[in-house]
């Protein structure tokens, strides 16, 4: 089945960020990549973008979704925006409601990145 949307969920902190790719197919099936950690600096951003290139499908909608976590998300969000990527920054209470709708109570970087990627793949967001 053809992939119609891809979303990268990013859980970000001061020194690192955790990312996961979710791909949604025409029949609504979701497929997740492995979850990886990167440094929250330019070197980590470049490694992240190389990884994204290898695990996503060219020509299919691709979005990046992260929570507004203090100021830690800002540099990565600006970097992605600068290179013309679609970036959505959601408030923590918005993602909390989505997590609750899935009955997810576990709070780890890996779970957060995975669920944020699903949130981006399943729902429409405003830039």
Protein backbone atom coordinates (compact mmCIF):
# COMPACT_ATOMS: atom_id res chain seq x y z
CA UNK A 1 0.00 0.00 0.00
CA UNK A 2 1.31 3.47 -0.88
CA UNK A 3 2.55 5.80 1.85
CA UNK A 4 0.52 9.04 1.93
CA UNK A 5 2.10 10.88 4.88
CA UNK A 6 5.28 10.74 6.92
CA UNK A 7 5.82 12.41 10.26
CA UNK A 8 8.91 12.73 12.38
CA UNK A 9 8.13 13.02 16.08
CA UNK A 10 10.82 14.78 18.09
CA UNK A 11 11.16 14.78 21.87
CA UNK A 12 13.72 17.45 22.69
CA UNK A 13 15.77 18.41 25.72
CA UNK A 14 18.69 20.72 26.44
CA UNK A 15 21.49 18.43 25.21
CA UNK A 16 19.77 15.82 23.03
CA UNK A 17 16.65 14.99 21.08
CA UNK A 18 14.95 11.70 20.33
CA UNK A 19 13.26 11.09 16.97
CA UNK A 20 10.97 8.54 15.36
CA UNK A 21 9.42 8.35 11.87
CA UNK A 22 5.79 7.28 11.41
CA UNK A 23 4.55 6.48 7.90
CA UNK A 24 0.82 6.28 7.19
CA UNK A 25 -0.43 4.28 4.21
CA UNK A 26 -3.63 4.75 2.20
CA UNK A 27 -5.43 2.11 4.28
CA UNK A 28 -4.52 3.94 7.52
CA UNK A 29 -1.83 1.47 8.55
CA UNK A 30 1.00 3.04 10.57
CA UNK A 31 4.63 1.93 10.34
CA UNK A 32 7.28 3.17 12.76
CA UNK A 33 11.05 3.45 12.40
CA UNK A 34 13.43 2.68 15.20
CA UNK A 35 13.87 5.54 17.65
CA UNK A 36 17.24 7.32 17.68
CA UNK A 37 18.94 10.01 19.78
CA UNK A 38 20.88 12.98 18.41
CA UNK A 39 22.78 15.87 19.99
CA UNK A 40 20.87 19.15 20.13
CA UNK A 41 23.47 21.07 18.11
CA UNK A 42 24.36 21.57 14.44
CA UNK A 43 26.36 18.32 14.22
CA UNK A 44 23.38 16.38 15.59
CA UNK A 45 21.00 18.16 13.21
CA UNK A 46 23.11 17.09 10.23
CA UNK A 47 23.25 13.46 11.44
CA UNK A 48 19.49 13.57 11.97
CA UNK A 49 18.84 14.85 8.44
CA UNK A 50 21.07 12.13 6.93
CA UNK A 51 19.14 9.51 8.90
CA UNK A 52 15.80 11.00 7.77
CA UNK A 53 16.92 10.82 4.15
CA UNK A 54 17.58 7.10 4.54
CA UNK A 55 14.29 6.14 6.23
CA UNK A 56 11.73 8.28 4.39
CA UNK A 57 10.16 8.08 0.94
CA UNK A 58 10.88 10.95 -1.47
CA UNK A 59 7.84 12.65 -2.99
CA UNK A 60 5.51 11.92 -0.07
CA UNK A 61 4.34 14.53 2.43
CA UNK A 62 6.88 14.85 5.25
CA UNK A 63 6.29 16.83 8.45
CA UNK A 64 8.25 17.36 11.65
CA UNK A 65 6.36 17.61 14.95
CA UNK A 66 7.76 18.61 18.35
CA UNK A 67 6.53 20.04 21.63
CA UNK A 68 7.32 23.57 22.72
CA UNK A 69 9.73 22.57 25.49
CA UNK A 70 11.12 25.70 27.11
CA UNK A 71 13.56 27.16 24.60
CA UNK A 72 15.23 23.82 23.76
CA UNK A 73 13.17 23.16 20.63
CA UNK A 74 13.81 26.56 19.04
CA UNK A 75 17.19 25.98 17.37
CA UNK A 76 16.13 22.72 15.72
CA UNK A 77 12.76 24.18 14.65
CA UNK A 78 14.50 27.21 13.11
CA UNK A 79 17.09 24.99 11.41
CA UNK A 80 14.39 22.81 9.83
CA UNK A 81 12.32 25.84 8.81
CA UNK A 82 15.39 27.47 7.26
CA UNK A 83 15.90 24.44 4.98
CA UNK A 84 12.23 24.57 3.94
CA UNK A 85 10.89 21.67 6.03
CA UNK A 86 7.32 21.68 7.36
CA UNK A 87 7.61 22.05 11.14
CA UNK A 88 4.78 21.92 13.65
CA UNK A 89 5.36 22.95 17.25
CA UNK A 90 2.54 21.92 19.58
CA UNK A 91 1.89 22.97 23.14
CA UNK A 92 2.49 20.34 25.80
CA UNK A 93 -1.19 20.31 26.82
CA UNK A 94 -2.21 19.56 23.21
CA UNK A 95 0.06 16.53 22.99
CA UNK A 96 -0.98 15.48 26.51
CA UNK A 97 -4.60 15.23 25.34
CA UNK A 98 -3.53 13.16 22.34
CA UNK A 99 -1.50 10.82 24.58
CA UNK A 100 -4.54 10.48 26.86
CA UNK A 101 -6.77 9.63 23.89
CA UNK A 102 -4.46 6.66 23.21
CA UNK A 103 -4.48 5.71 26.92
CA UNK A 104 -0.70 6.12 27.10
CA UNK A 105 0.53 6.74 30.62
CA UNK A 106 4.23 5.94 30.14
CA UNK A 107 6.45 9.01 29.82
CA UNK A 108 9.87 8.32 28.30
CA UNK A 109 11.78 10.00 25.49
CA UNK A 110 11.29 6.94 23.26
CA UNK A 111 7.53 6.75 23.88
CA UNK A 112 7.15 10.52 23.46
CA UNK A 113 8.99 10.57 20.10
CA UNK A 114 6.98 7.62 18.81
CA UNK A 115 3.60 9.04 19.87
CA UNK A 116 4.47 12.52 18.57
CA UNK A 117 5.31 10.94 15.19
CA UNK A 118 1.93 9.21 15.21
CA UNK A 119 0.23 12.49 16.18
CA UNK A 120 1.80 14.16 13.14
CA UNK A 121 0.84 11.33 10.79
CA UNK A 122 -2.76 11.00 11.93
CA UNK A 123 -3.83 14.60 12.48
CA UNK A 124 -3.74 17.87 10.58
CA UNK A 125 -1.77 20.66 12.28
CA UNK A 126 -1.37 24.37 11.72
CA UNK A 127 2.17 25.60 10.96
